[in-house]
Protein backbone atom coordinates (compact mmCIF):
# COMPACT_ATOMS: atom_id res chain seq x y z
CA MET A 1 211.85 -139.96 78.01
CA ASN A 2 214.87 -140.65 79.90
CA PRO A 3 217.27 -137.73 79.62
CA GLY A 4 220.19 -139.62 80.96
CA PRO A 5 222.32 -139.39 84.04
CA ASN A 6 222.53 -136.15 85.88
CA PRO A 7 226.12 -135.43 86.72
CA SER A 8 225.00 -133.18 89.62
CA ARG A 9 223.63 -136.26 91.42
CA MET A 10 226.91 -138.26 91.16
CA SER A 11 229.72 -138.41 93.85
CA ARG A 12 232.90 -136.61 92.85
CA ARG A 13 234.83 -139.96 92.60
CA ASP A 14 232.04 -141.42 90.42
CA PHE A 15 232.03 -138.30 88.23
CA PHE A 16 235.78 -138.53 87.40
CA ARG A 17 235.82 -142.21 87.06
CA ARG A 18 232.82 -142.15 84.53
CA GLY A 19 234.62 -139.39 82.64
CA ALA A 20 237.98 -141.14 82.52
CA GLY A 21 236.32 -144.28 81.36
CA GLY A 22 234.44 -142.54 78.56
CA LEU A 23 237.61 -140.95 77.55
CA GLY A 24 239.40 -144.22 77.26
CA ALA A 25 236.72 -145.80 75.29
CA ILE A 26 236.58 -142.86 72.73
CA ALA A 27 240.29 -142.90 72.32
CA PHE A 28 240.29 -146.67 71.40
CA GLY A 29 237.27 -146.20 69.34
CA SER A 30 238.88 -143.35 67.38
CA LEU A 31 241.72 -145.75 66.29
CA GLN A 32 239.55 -148.70 65.51
CA GLU A 33 236.45 -146.91 63.80
CA PRO A 34 238.02 -146.78 60.35
CA LEU A 35 239.13 -150.33 60.36
CA ALA A 36 235.79 -151.66 61.52
CA ALA A 37 233.88 -149.46 59.05
CA HIS A 38 235.87 -150.51 56.05
CA SER A 39 237.71 -153.60 56.88
CA LEU A 40 241.02 -151.83 55.78
CA PRO A 41 243.40 -152.47 54.51
CA HIS A 42 241.64 -154.41 51.57
CA PHE A 43 244.89 -156.09 50.79
CA ALA A 44 248.52 -156.37 51.74
CA PRO A 45 249.83 -152.76 51.74
CA ARG A 46 253.07 -151.83 50.10
CA CYS A 47 253.66 -148.70 52.33
CA ARG A 48 252.27 -147.44 55.64
CA ARG A 49 252.73 -143.73 55.41
CA VAL A 50 252.94 -140.82 52.74
CA ILE A 51 255.32 -137.89 52.69
CA HIS A 52 253.99 -135.26 50.18
CA LEU A 53 256.51 -132.74 49.09
CA TYR A 54 254.25 -130.23 47.72
CA MET A 55 256.01 -127.60 45.40
CA ALA A 56 253.17 -125.00 45.58
CA GLY A 57 252.86 -122.59 42.61
CA GLY A 58 253.34 -124.85 39.75
CA PRO A 59 256.98 -125.81 39.09
CA SER A 60 257.89 -125.88 35.27
CA HIS A 61 258.34 -129.21 33.97
CA LEU A 62 260.43 -127.75 31.17
CA GLU A 63 263.05 -126.65 33.75
CA THR A 64 262.79 -129.77 35.96
CA PHE A 65 262.30 -133.09 34.43
CA ASP A 66 260.94 -132.76 30.88
CA TYR A 67 263.54 -131.36 28.37
CA LYS A 68 262.30 -130.48 25.02
CA ALA A 69 264.85 -130.10 22.20
CA GLU A 70 262.19 -129.08 19.71
CA LEU A 71 261.09 -126.25 21.88
CA ALA A 72 264.69 -125.16 22.29
CA ARG A 73 265.13 -125.03 18.44
CA ARG A 74 261.92 -122.98 18.02
CA HIS A 75 262.86 -120.36 20.61
CA GLY A 76 261.27 -117.14 19.92
CA GLU A 77 258.93 -118.43 17.11
CA ALA A 78 255.25 -118.48 17.23
CA MET A 79 253.74 -121.50 18.92
CA PRO A 80 251.76 -123.67 16.32
CA GLU A 81 248.11 -123.02 16.57
CA SER A 82 247.49 -126.72 16.27
CA PHE A 83 248.75 -126.95 19.92
CA THR A 84 247.13 -123.88 21.43
CA ALA A 85 243.89 -123.28 19.67
CA GLY A 86 240.85 -123.49 21.94
CA GLN A 87 243.09 -124.59 24.87
CA PRO A 88 242.56 -122.88 28.39
CA ILE A 89 245.18 -120.22 29.30
CA ALA A 90 245.48 -118.40 32.56
CA GLN A 91 246.97 -115.02 31.86
CA LEU A 92 248.22 -115.17 28.15
CA GLN A 93 244.85 -114.59 26.64
CA GLY A 94 244.98 -112.48 23.64
CA GLN A 95 248.76 -112.20 23.62
CA GLU A 96 251.14 -113.42 21.05
CA LEU A 97 252.18 -117.01 21.99
CA LYS A 98 255.82 -117.58 21.39
CA CYS A 99 258.02 -120.52 22.23
CA LEU A 100 260.23 -120.20 25.16
CA ALA A 101 263.24 -122.62 25.21
CA PRO A 102 264.15 -124.51 28.29
CA GLN A 103 266.31 -122.07 30.22
CA HIS A 104 268.77 -124.66 31.92
CA PRO A 105 270.54 -127.76 30.46
CA PHE A 106 269.69 -131.27 31.39
CA GLU A 107 272.00 -133.99 32.34
CA ARG A 108 271.63 -137.83 32.68
CA PHE A 109 271.72 -139.30 36.16
CA GLY A 110 272.35 -142.73 37.64
CA GLU A 111 272.48 -146.17 36.14
CA SER A 112 268.87 -145.48 34.85
CA GLN A 113 270.18 -142.40 32.88
CA GLN A 114 267.12 -140.38 33.90
CA GLU A 115 267.10 -136.82 32.25
CA ILE A 116 266.83 -134.14 34.90
CA CYS A 117 267.55 -130.44 34.79
CA SER A 118 271.17 -129.58 35.96
CA LEU A 119 269.64 -127.40 38.63
CA PHE A 120 268.77 -130.40 40.61
CA PRO A 121 272.03 -132.49 41.23
CA HIS A 122 270.92 -133.88 44.48
CA ILE A 123 267.56 -135.20 43.03
CA GLY A 124 269.76 -136.53 40.24
CA SER A 125 271.87 -138.47 42.85
CA ILE A 126 268.56 -140.54 43.66
CA ALA A 127 267.50 -141.03 40.14
CA ASP A 128 267.68 -144.80 40.48
CA ASP A 129 265.10 -144.55 43.41
CA ILE A 130 262.60 -142.41 41.76
CA CYS A 131 259.81 -142.79 39.14
CA ILE A 132 259.48 -139.64 37.12
CA VAL A 133 256.01 -139.09 35.78
CA ARG A 134 255.98 -136.81 32.69
CA SER A 135 252.47 -137.21 31.52
CA MET A 136 250.34 -135.58 34.44
CA HIS A 137 247.40 -133.47 33.68
CA THR A 138 244.70 -131.87 35.80
CA ASP A 139 241.45 -129.91 35.43
CA GLN A 140 242.11 -126.54 37.13
CA ILE A 141 244.21 -123.75 35.83
CA ASN A 142 244.43 -121.31 38.68
CA HIS A 143 246.20 -121.94 41.92
CA ASP A 144 243.59 -122.19 44.63
CA PRO A 145 241.22 -124.45 42.63
CA ALA A 146 244.18 -126.50 41.38
CA HIS A 147 245.43 -127.01 44.87
CA THR A 148 241.79 -128.11 45.83
CA PHE A 149 241.85 -130.50 43.05
CA MET A 150 245.25 -131.86 43.74
CA ASN A 151 244.31 -132.23 47.45
CA THR A 152 240.83 -133.61 47.25
CA GLY A 153 240.26 -135.02 43.82
CA SER A 154 237.45 -132.43 43.19
CA GLN A 155 237.22 -128.91 42.07
CA ILE A 156 234.40 -128.40 44.60
CA SER A 157 235.56 -126.78 47.84
CA GLY A 158 234.58 -128.54 51.01
CA ARG A 159 235.63 -132.14 50.13
CA PRO A 160 237.95 -134.08 52.34
CA SER A 161 241.62 -133.90 51.63
CA MET A 162 243.61 -136.84 50.66
CA GLY A 163 245.51 -136.89 53.96
CA SER A 164 242.25 -136.81 55.83
CA TRP A 165 240.89 -139.66 53.70
CA VAL A 166 243.99 -141.77 54.50
CA ASN A 167 243.92 -140.87 58.19
CA TYR A 168 240.00 -141.66 58.18
CA GLY A 169 240.47 -145.01 56.48
CA LEU A 170 243.65 -146.47 58.11
CA GLY A 171 243.86 -144.41 61.46
CA SER A 172 246.99 -143.36 63.19
CA GLU A 173 249.94 -145.55 64.11
CA CYS A 174 251.11 -142.80 66.73
CA GLU A 175 249.17 -142.17 70.00
CA ASP A 176 250.92 -138.90 70.80
CA LEU A 177 251.03 -136.91 67.53
CA PRO A 178 248.36 -136.31 65.02
CA GLY A 179 247.95 -138.75 62.24
CA PHE A 180 248.02 -135.91 59.50
CA VAL A 181 250.59 -133.14 59.87
CA VAL A 182 251.13 -130.10 57.60
CA MET A 183 254.14 -127.80 57.47
CA SER A 184 254.93 -124.96 55.11
CA SER A 185 258.04 -122.91 54.07
CA VAL A 186 258.24 -119.88 51.95
CA GLY A 187 260.98 -119.52 49.28
CA LYS A 188 262.52 -116.49 47.73
CA GLY A 189 262.60 -117.40 44.10
CA GLY A 190 258.96 -116.63 43.05
CA GLN A 191 255.60 -115.43 44.08
CA SER A 192 254.50 -117.23 47.30
CA GLN A 193 250.69 -117.75 46.72
CA PRO A 194 248.74 -118.24 49.92
CA ILE A 195 247.63 -121.79 50.87
CA ALA A 196 244.20 -121.93 52.47
CA SER A 197 243.64 -124.22 55.47
CA ARG A 198 240.87 -125.93 53.61
CA GLN A 199 243.57 -127.85 51.48
CA TRP A 200 244.22 -130.08 54.65
CA HIS A 201 240.74 -129.97 55.79
CA SER A 202 238.56 -133.18 56.68
CA GLY A 203 235.42 -131.73 54.74
CA PHE A 204 232.44 -133.78 55.70
CA LEU A 205 234.55 -136.51 57.44
CA PRO A 206 234.80 -136.19 61.18
CA SER A 207 237.08 -133.20 62.09
CA LYS A 208 239.51 -135.53 64.13
CA PHE A 209 240.92 -136.46 60.74
CA GLN A 210 241.93 -133.10 59.38
CA GLY A 211 245.56 -131.98 59.23
CA VAL A 212 247.30 -130.33 61.93
CA PRO A 213 249.61 -127.39 61.02
CA PHE A 214 253.07 -127.46 62.61
CA ARG A 215 255.33 -124.49 62.65
CA SER A 216 259.00 -125.43 62.06
CA SER A 217 260.23 -122.45 63.97
CA GLY A 218 259.11 -120.93 67.35
CA ASP A 219 256.23 -122.83 69.13
CA PRO A 220 255.23 -125.53 66.70
CA VAL A 221 251.76 -125.47 67.86
CA GLU A 222 249.94 -122.53 69.17
CA TYR A 223 248.87 -122.76 72.77
CA LEU A 224 250.50 -126.05 73.38
CA GLY A 225 252.24 -125.00 76.53
CA ASN A 226 250.56 -124.60 79.92
CA PRO A 227 249.87 -121.06 81.25
CA SER A 228 252.13 -119.83 84.15
CA GLY A 229 251.28 -121.60 87.43
CA ILE A 230 249.68 -124.61 85.87
CA ASP A 231 251.65 -127.88 86.04
CA ARG A 232 250.91 -131.01 84.33
CA GLU A 233 248.95 -132.63 87.13
CA ASP A 234 246.75 -129.39 87.11
CA GLN A 235 246.22 -129.86 83.47
CA ARG A 236 245.34 -133.58 83.65
CA ALA A 237 242.78 -132.83 86.35
CA ALA A 238 241.07 -130.06 84.36
CA LEU A 239 241.07 -132.18 81.12
CA ASP A 240 239.36 -135.09 83.08
CA ALA A 241 236.70 -132.75 84.39
CA ILE A 242 236.14 -131.19 80.85
CA ALA A 243 236.05 -134.74 79.33
CA ALA A 244 233.35 -136.00 81.90
CA LEU A 245 231.16 -132.99 81.09
CA ASN A 246 231.59 -133.40 77.40
CA ARG A 247 230.82 -137.06 77.56
CA SER A 248 227.54 -136.36 79.50
CA HIS A 249 226.51 -133.92 76.84
CA ALA A 250 227.32 -136.42 74.21
CA GLU A 251 225.08 -138.96 75.70
CA LEU A 252 222.18 -136.57 75.58
CA VAL A 253 222.71 -135.05 71.95
CA HIS A 254 224.77 -137.82 70.19
CA ASP A 255 226.83 -135.40 68.33
CA PRO A 256 230.01 -137.02 67.15
CA GLU A 257 231.82 -133.77 67.02
CA ILE A 258 231.76 -133.79 70.89
CA GLU A 259 233.73 -137.15 71.00
CA THR A 260 236.08 -135.42 68.54
CA ARG A 261 236.56 -132.48 70.90
CA ILE A 262 237.39 -135.04 73.82
CA SER A 263 239.81 -136.97 71.86
CA GLN A 264 241.63 -133.78 70.63
CA TYR A 265 241.86 -132.34 74.09
CA GLU A 266 243.58 -135.69 75.06
CA MET A 267 245.81 -135.53 72.06
CA ALA A 268 246.82 -131.97 72.79
CA PHE A 269 247.76 -133.17 76.40
CA ARG A 270 250.00 -135.91 74.95
CA MET A 271 251.51 -133.63 72.47
CA GLN A 272 252.73 -131.35 75.26
CA ALA A 273 255.25 -134.07 75.82
CA SER A 274 255.91 -135.52 72.46
CA VAL A 275 256.29 -132.26 70.36
CA PRO A 276 259.25 -130.74 72.27
CA ASP A 277 261.16 -134.02 71.73
CA LEU A 278 260.12 -134.14 68.13
CA MET A 279 261.47 -130.64 67.55
CA ASP A 280 264.72 -131.12 69.46
CA LEU A 281 267.37 -131.93 66.76
CA SER A 282 270.28 -131.77 69.17
CA GLY A 283 270.46 -135.55 68.92
CA GLU A 284 270.89 -135.46 65.12
CA PRO A 285 274.53 -136.14 63.90
CA GLU A 286 276.28 -133.37 62.38
CA SER A 287 276.54 -135.27 59.19
CA VAL A 288 272.80 -135.55 58.98
CA LEU A 289 272.24 -131.80 59.40
CA GLU A 290 274.80 -131.20 56.76
CA GLU A 291 273.22 -133.53 54.38
CA TYR A 292 269.85 -131.87 54.72
CA GLY A 293 271.44 -128.31 54.82
CA THR A 294 269.84 -127.05 57.93
CA ARG A 295 271.06 -126.14 61.51
CA GLY A 296 267.76 -126.86 63.22
CA ALA A 297 264.02 -125.97 63.14
CA ASP A 298 264.52 -122.60 61.30
CA GLY A 299 261.33 -122.85 59.18
CA SER A 300 263.10 -123.72 55.94
CA PHE A 301 262.15 -126.50 53.56
CA ALA A 302 265.36 -128.34 54.59
CA ALA A 303 264.41 -128.31 58.27
CA ASN A 304 260.95 -129.48 57.28
CA CYS A 305 262.21 -132.46 55.39
CA LEU A 306 264.28 -133.47 58.56
CA LEU A 307 261.18 -133.16 60.65
CA ALA A 308 259.24 -135.12 58.20
CA ARG A 309 261.57 -138.09 58.55
CA ARG A 310 261.27 -137.77 62.45
CA LEU A 311 257.48 -137.73 62.06
CA ALA A 312 257.63 -140.75 59.86
CA GLU A 313 259.75 -142.52 62.55
CA ARG A 314 257.11 -141.81 65.08
CA GLY A 315 254.19 -143.25 63.01
CA VAL A 316 252.50 -140.28 61.58
CA ARG A 317 250.45 -141.48 58.75
CA PHE A 318 250.44 -138.48 56.29
CA ILE A 319 252.93 -135.57 56.18
CA GLN A 320 252.62 -132.78 53.89
CA LEU A 321 255.20 -130.05 53.24
CA TYR A 322 254.27 -127.01 51.25
CA HIS A 323 257.11 -124.96 49.69
CA ARG A 324 255.58 -121.77 48.41
CA ALA A 325 257.93 -120.32 45.79
CA TRP A 326 257.17 -121.82 42.29
CA ASP A 327 254.94 -119.23 40.66
CA HIS A 328 257.34 -118.05 37.95
CA HIS A 329 255.42 -115.87 35.72
CA GLY A 330 258.48 -113.63 35.22
CA ALA A 331 262.29 -114.31 35.37
CA VAL A 332 261.88 -117.97 35.14
CA LYS A 333 265.65 -118.70 34.64
CA ARG A 334 266.85 -117.02 37.73
CA SER A 335 263.91 -117.73 39.73
CA MET A 336 264.32 -121.54 38.97
CA GLU A 337 268.05 -121.15 40.21
CA ILE A 338 266.97 -119.79 43.58
CA THR A 339 264.06 -122.11 44.14
CA ALA A 340 265.86 -125.28 42.95
CA GLY A 341 268.61 -124.29 45.41
CA GLU A 342 266.07 -124.26 48.13
CA VAL A 343 264.58 -127.68 47.79
CA ASP A 344 266.92 -129.89 45.85
CA ARG A 345 269.50 -130.73 48.65
CA ALA A 346 266.97 -131.61 51.07
CA SER A 347 264.70 -133.62 48.73
CA GLY A 348 267.69 -135.81 47.94
CA ALA A 349 268.77 -136.15 51.59
CA LEU A 350 265.23 -137.17 52.75
CA ILE A 351 265.19 -140.12 50.22
CA ARG A 352 268.67 -141.19 51.32
CA ASP A 353 268.02 -140.82 54.94
CA LEU A 354 264.78 -142.71 54.80
CA LYS A 355 266.67 -145.49 52.74
CA ARG A 356 269.41 -145.84 55.25
CA ARG A 357 267.01 -146.14 58.06
CA GLY A 358 264.90 -148.78 56.36
CA LEU A 359 261.97 -146.46 56.10
CA LEU A 360 261.75 -145.87 52.40
CA GLU A 361 260.45 -149.26 51.51
CA ASP A 362 257.16 -148.52 53.34
CA THR A 363 257.13 -144.88 52.95
CA LEU A 364 255.67 -143.34 49.88
CA VAL A 365 257.29 -139.89 48.80
CA LEU A 366 255.54 -137.75 46.34
CA TRP A 367 257.14 -134.57 44.84
CA GLY A 368 255.22 -132.15 42.64
CA GLY A 369 253.07 -129.22 42.33
CA GLU A 370 249.42 -128.42 41.29
CA PHE A 371 250.24 -127.87 37.59
CA GLY A 372 253.02 -127.10 35.34
CA ARG A 373 254.12 -124.09 33.17
CA THR A 374 253.48 -123.13 29.62
CA PRO A 375 255.98 -123.64 26.73
CA MET A 376 255.10 -120.23 25.64
CA GLY A 377 256.74 -117.34 27.25
CA GLN A 378 255.06 -114.79 29.45
CA GLY A 379 257.83 -112.21 28.91
CA ASP A 380 260.77 -114.08 30.55
CA GLY A 381 258.44 -116.29 32.51
CA ARG A 382 255.90 -119.04 31.90
CA ASP A 383 252.14 -119.13 32.67
CA HIS A 384 250.10 -121.66 34.36
CA HIS A 385 249.64 -124.99 32.39
CA ILE A 386 247.43 -128.11 33.06
CA LYS A 387 247.58 -130.20 29.99
CA GLY A 388 251.09 -131.73 30.78
CA PHE A 389 253.45 -131.57 33.65
CA SER A 390 255.79 -133.72 35.73
CA LEU A 391 256.36 -135.14 39.19
CA TRP A 392 258.20 -137.93 40.89
CA LEU A 393 257.48 -140.59 43.36
CA ALA A 394 259.81 -142.83 45.40
CA GLY A 395 259.71 -145.69 47.99
CA GLY A 396 256.56 -147.42 49.24
CA GLY A 397 256.36 -150.00 46.37
CA ILE A 398 257.43 -147.59 43.52
CA ARG A 399 259.66 -148.88 40.77
CA GLY A 400 262.81 -146.62 41.00
CA GLY A 401 264.87 -145.67 37.97
CA MET A 402 262.15 -145.40 35.50
CA SER A 403 260.48 -142.39 33.48
CA TYR A 404 256.75 -142.88 32.65
CA GLY A 405 254.63 -141.07 30.01
CA ALA A 406 255.56 -138.12 27.73
CA THR A 407 254.31 -134.84 26.62
CA ASP A 408 254.53 -133.76 22.93
CA ASP A 409 257.64 -132.18 21.31
CA PHE A 410 256.74 -128.70 22.87
CA GLY A 411 255.85 -130.08 26.30
CA TYR A 412 252.18 -128.99 25.84
CA HIS A 413 249.93 -132.08 25.84
CA ALA A 414 250.54 -135.21 27.85
CA VAL A 415 250.42 -137.74 24.76
CA ASP A 416 252.00 -140.89 26.03
CA ARG A 417 250.11 -142.66 28.75
CA PRO A 418 248.39 -139.51 30.18
CA VAL A 419 247.96 -139.59 34.03
CA HIS A 420 245.18 -137.73 35.81
CA VAL A 421 245.10 -136.54 39.43
CA ASN A 422 242.46 -139.12 40.19
CA ASP A 423 244.84 -141.79 38.87
CA LEU A 424 247.66 -140.50 41.16
CA HIS A 425 245.21 -140.64 44.15
CA ALA A 426 244.00 -144.25 43.29
CA THR A 427 247.67 -145.44 43.04
CA MET A 428 248.40 -143.85 46.24
CA LEU A 429 245.63 -145.49 48.12
CA HIS A 430 246.48 -148.83 46.36
CA LEU A 431 250.05 -148.67 47.75
CA LEU A 432 248.44 -148.20 51.17
CA GLY A 433 246.38 -151.32 50.76
CA VAL A 434 243.16 -149.58 49.84
CA ASN A 435 240.82 -150.09 46.97
CA HIS A 436 239.96 -146.47 46.10
CA THR A 437 236.35 -147.46 45.08
CA ARG A 438 235.65 -148.88 48.46
CA LEU A 439 236.94 -146.11 50.72
CA THR A 440 233.75 -144.27 50.75
CA TYR A 441 231.87 -141.82 53.18
CA ARG A 442 228.05 -141.05 53.04
CA SER A 443 227.24 -137.48 52.90
CA GLN A 444 224.17 -135.61 51.63
CA GLY A 445 222.48 -138.64 50.48
CA ARG A 446 225.41 -140.06 48.47
CA ASP A 447 228.66 -142.05 48.88
CA PHE A 448 231.63 -139.97 48.17
CA ARG A 449 235.34 -141.04 47.64
CA LEU A 450 238.60 -139.41 47.05
CA THR A 451 238.69 -140.35 43.41
CA ASP A 452 235.13 -139.23 42.77
CA VAL A 453 234.01 -141.12 39.72
CA GLY A 454 237.40 -141.67 38.16
CA GLY A 455 240.89 -143.12 39.11
CA HIS A 456 242.97 -146.04 37.63
CA VAL A 457 245.81 -147.71 39.57
CA MET A 458 249.06 -147.06 37.58
CA GLN A 459 250.37 -150.60 37.86
CA ASP A 460 253.44 -149.86 35.69
CA TRP A 461 254.71 -147.80 38.52
CA ILE A 462 254.71 -150.53 41.03
CA ALA A 463 257.66 -152.59 41.72
């Protein structure tokens, strides 16, 4: 058996030429592989990228986008057993279930007269650009599995995240930044549940498609800078040598993860130049900084929203911003005031900014959490709730100025045109030009997809 070329028998010049050639081929192949494998997009896309504003912890639909007059009238009364009997409950098991009225008034916004909580005037200002979905439901009632379900379409840990599926299927439009970037902020208005890195992992997909966490204060990516005494030319020479060794090994063992390692080293080298420019907000007009409510890369949700727009401009395919502050088991009235204040302004600013720059029409923005909150009080807070909750979408082919679906009079069950998480994923892929049933990857003897065995495209949402 021929074990392949022996690098020790090559001249130094041949060694580096061969390594550089292999690296170039891999870099090109990493961009082309998904398109060749799946003939994507399957049809003309309505959007090219996704920004997911992830309200981690479960924002209450009853204090955001789903006002319930009957629940307000029945405040303090026992919840009717016809709603709650046999239903899954997270922390209220065995307790007396009493109605807790919406804690803040709602107002009508825009020409569309969408009904939105008064805590969100900036989101209200974009009411005519957003589609509010009031009939979401999901399968998992505790945070970590609910995050897993919202991100991967499955309650089984280890499946690829939706950002990884999109990155795998469509590739990246950016050569010097990852195709899938994740940023996180921590609020002060509620419990900030931890977010595990597996929520943006590639699962059984090649690891080059997983999300790359960026920090929005300090160094954005750890170890991105060169050590003292090492300049860019030294770094280039070292990477070429390492790539040549890795390529030689890959020809022997045919391990695709070696090719991933080579391409990621090369990506990191390019990021050394691109990331400082991305994070430098000195060129942003004062009016833009004021609109978002940030002075720079300070780790806030507002700063992350501004960076998300800059990432979108540079061609990053999937951008996910977690804001960890929505777990309001107690003091929901005051907690909602704080948390809404942390996200409302920048959420509205992002949509307006994208629209001004002509980016909103091909950027899908999704705003929501992993589940909602109970209409029953948990003291002066609300427990986890999966049977009905709200989120909104904008841009990327979405019909603005509309509300879709409804929960019952108490905000408990999604009763009018219920929407499952798999339906949300199917619609997102459809807007990206992808048939969700055809974007598959074979692992462990079967074909997997983001929408598992479900998912329907919500055609009524599409302009």
